[in-house]
Protein backbone atom coordinates (compact mmCIF):
# COMPACT_ATOMS: atom_id res chain seq x y z
CA UNK A 1 1.53 12.73 -20.20
CA UNK A 2 0.69 9.91 -17.83
CA UNK A 3 -3.18 10.06 -16.16
CA UNK A 4 -4.12 9.21 -13.00
CA UNK A 5 -7.59 7.99 -12.66
CA UNK A 6 -9.88 9.90 -10.19
CA UNK A 7 -9.28 8.83 -6.38
CA UNK A 8 -12.14 8.39 -4.02
CA UNK A 9 -11.67 10.98 -1.15
CA UNK A 10 -11.40 8.42 1.34
CA UNK A 11 -8.40 6.83 -0.48
CA UNK A 12 -7.07 10.21 -1.19
CA UNK A 13 -6.91 11.01 2.79
CA UNK A 14 -5.43 7.44 3.40
CA UNK A 15 -2.84 8.19 0.64
CA UNK A 16 -2.10 11.60 2.37
CA UNK A 17 -1.77 10.08 5.54
CA UNK A 18 0.74 7.45 4.43
CA UNK A 19 2.54 10.29 2.56
CA UNK A 20 2.69 12.10 5.96
CA UNK A 21 3.98 9.18 8.17
CA UNK A 22 6.70 8.89 5.57
CA UNK A 23 8.07 12.46 5.80
CA UNK A 24 7.80 12.19 9.96
CA UNK A 25 10.02 8.75 9.76
CA UNK A 26 12.57 10.77 6.95
CA UNK A 27 12.60 13.45 9.45
CA UNK A 28 12.94 11.61 12.58
CA UNK A 29 16.00 9.91 11.06
CA UNK A 30 17.45 13.37 10.24
CA UNK A 31 17.39 12.42 6.11
CA UNK A 32 17.01 15.39 3.83
CA UNK A 33 14.75 15.24 0.86
CA UNK A 34 18.02 14.93 -0.98
CA UNK A 35 19.47 12.25 0.62
CA UNK A 36 16.28 10.21 0.39
CA UNK A 37 15.62 10.86 -3.02
CA UNK A 38 19.29 9.75 -3.87
CA UNK A 39 18.96 6.41 -1.69
CA UNK A 40 15.46 5.84 -3.18
CA UNK A 41 16.83 6.90 -7.18
CA UNK A 42 13.78 9.26 -7.89
CA UNK A 43 14.12 13.16 -7.90
CA UNK A 44 13.35 15.50 -5.28
CA UNK A 45 9.73 16.71 -7.09
CA UNK A 46 9.10 12.64 -7.10
CA UNK A 47 9.78 12.27 -3.44
CA UNK A 48 7.75 15.33 -2.62
CA UNK A 49 4.74 14.10 -4.26
CA UNK A 50 4.91 11.06 -2.46
CA UNK A 51 4.94 12.75 0.99
CA UNK A 52 2.14 14.96 -0.40
CA UNK A 53 0.04 12.05 -1.01
CA UNK A 54 -0.01 12.30 -4.84
CA UNK A 55 -1.60 9.53 -5.80
CA UNK A 56 0.25 9.00 -9.20
CA UNK A 57 3.46 7.99 -7.17
CA UNK A 58 4.28 4.33 -8.11
CA UNK A 59 4.39 1.38 -5.65
CA UNK A 60 7.45 0.62 -6.30
CA UNK A 61 8.84 4.26 -5.29
CA UNK A 62 6.54 3.68 -2.18
CA UNK A 63 8.65 0.31 -1.39
CA UNK A 64 11.96 1.83 -2.07
CA UNK A 65 11.19 4.64 0.59
CA UNK A 66 10.03 1.99 3.08
CA UNK A 67 13.24 0.04 2.40
CA UNK A 68 15.51 3.13 2.93
CA UNK A 69 13.75 4.18 6.45
CA UNK A 70 14.20 0.50 7.24
CA UNK A 71 10.54 -0.14 7.37
CA UNK A 72 10.06 -2.71 4.48
CA UNK A 73 8.93 -5.37 6.88
CA UNK A 74 5.88 -3.21 6.93
CA UNK A 75 4.84 -3.97 3.62
CA UNK A 76 4.52 -7.61 4.73
CA UNK A 77 1.68 -6.94 6.87
CA UNK A 78 -0.53 -5.24 3.83
CA UNK A 79 -3.38 -7.60 3.63
CA UNK A 80 -1.89 -10.73 5.59
CA UNK A 81 -5.00 -11.06 7.51
CA UNK A 82 -7.59 -11.37 4.95
CA UNK A 83 -10.54 -11.79 7.37
CA UNK A 84 -13.29 -10.67 4.92
CA UNK A 85 -11.80 -12.90 2.23
CA UNK A 86 -11.70 -15.94 4.75
CA UNK A 87 -15.04 -15.38 6.05
CA UNK A 88 -16.97 -15.46 2.25
CA UNK A 89 -14.94 -18.81 1.39
CA UNK A 90 -15.71 -20.36 4.44
CA UNK A 91 -19.36 -19.30 4.01
CA UNK A 92 -19.34 -20.92 0.33
CA UNK A 93 -17.59 -23.90 1.54
CA UNK A 94 -20.73 -24.29 4.12
CA UNK A 95 -22.89 -24.04 1.47
CA UNK A 96 -21.43 -26.62 -0.70
CA UNK A 97 -20.99 -29.19 2.33
CA UNK A 98 -24.73 -28.10 2.93
CA UNK A 99 -26.06 -29.79 -0.01
CA UNK A 100 -26.42 -33.58 -0.12
CA UNK A 101 -24.87 -35.06 -3.17
CA UNK A 102 -26.75 -37.03 -5.70
CA UNK A 103 -25.13 -39.91 -7.08
CA UNK A 104 -24.33 -40.03 -10.70
CA UNK A 105 -25.56 -42.86 -12.49
């Protein structure tokens, strides 16, 4: 049996919200779980786990669901703007540039 590590409550809520959005997108397209599961190549229980926010669902399954819904481009937006990472990098560069270099004999 595959074990899933504990999920922080905030992250769990995000996963559940994603599942709800994916379910709503499927239903807006008048697609049954059976049809979606066939298009994605998973079982109906696996799709139900994803839509119910089960954290053990694989990222590959999420990507295939997004593709089946015509939303695959959304995945390209995740972490595209790494504001914090760029700020940390810029701060490190400022500190490095602020120190005068001592010549090596």
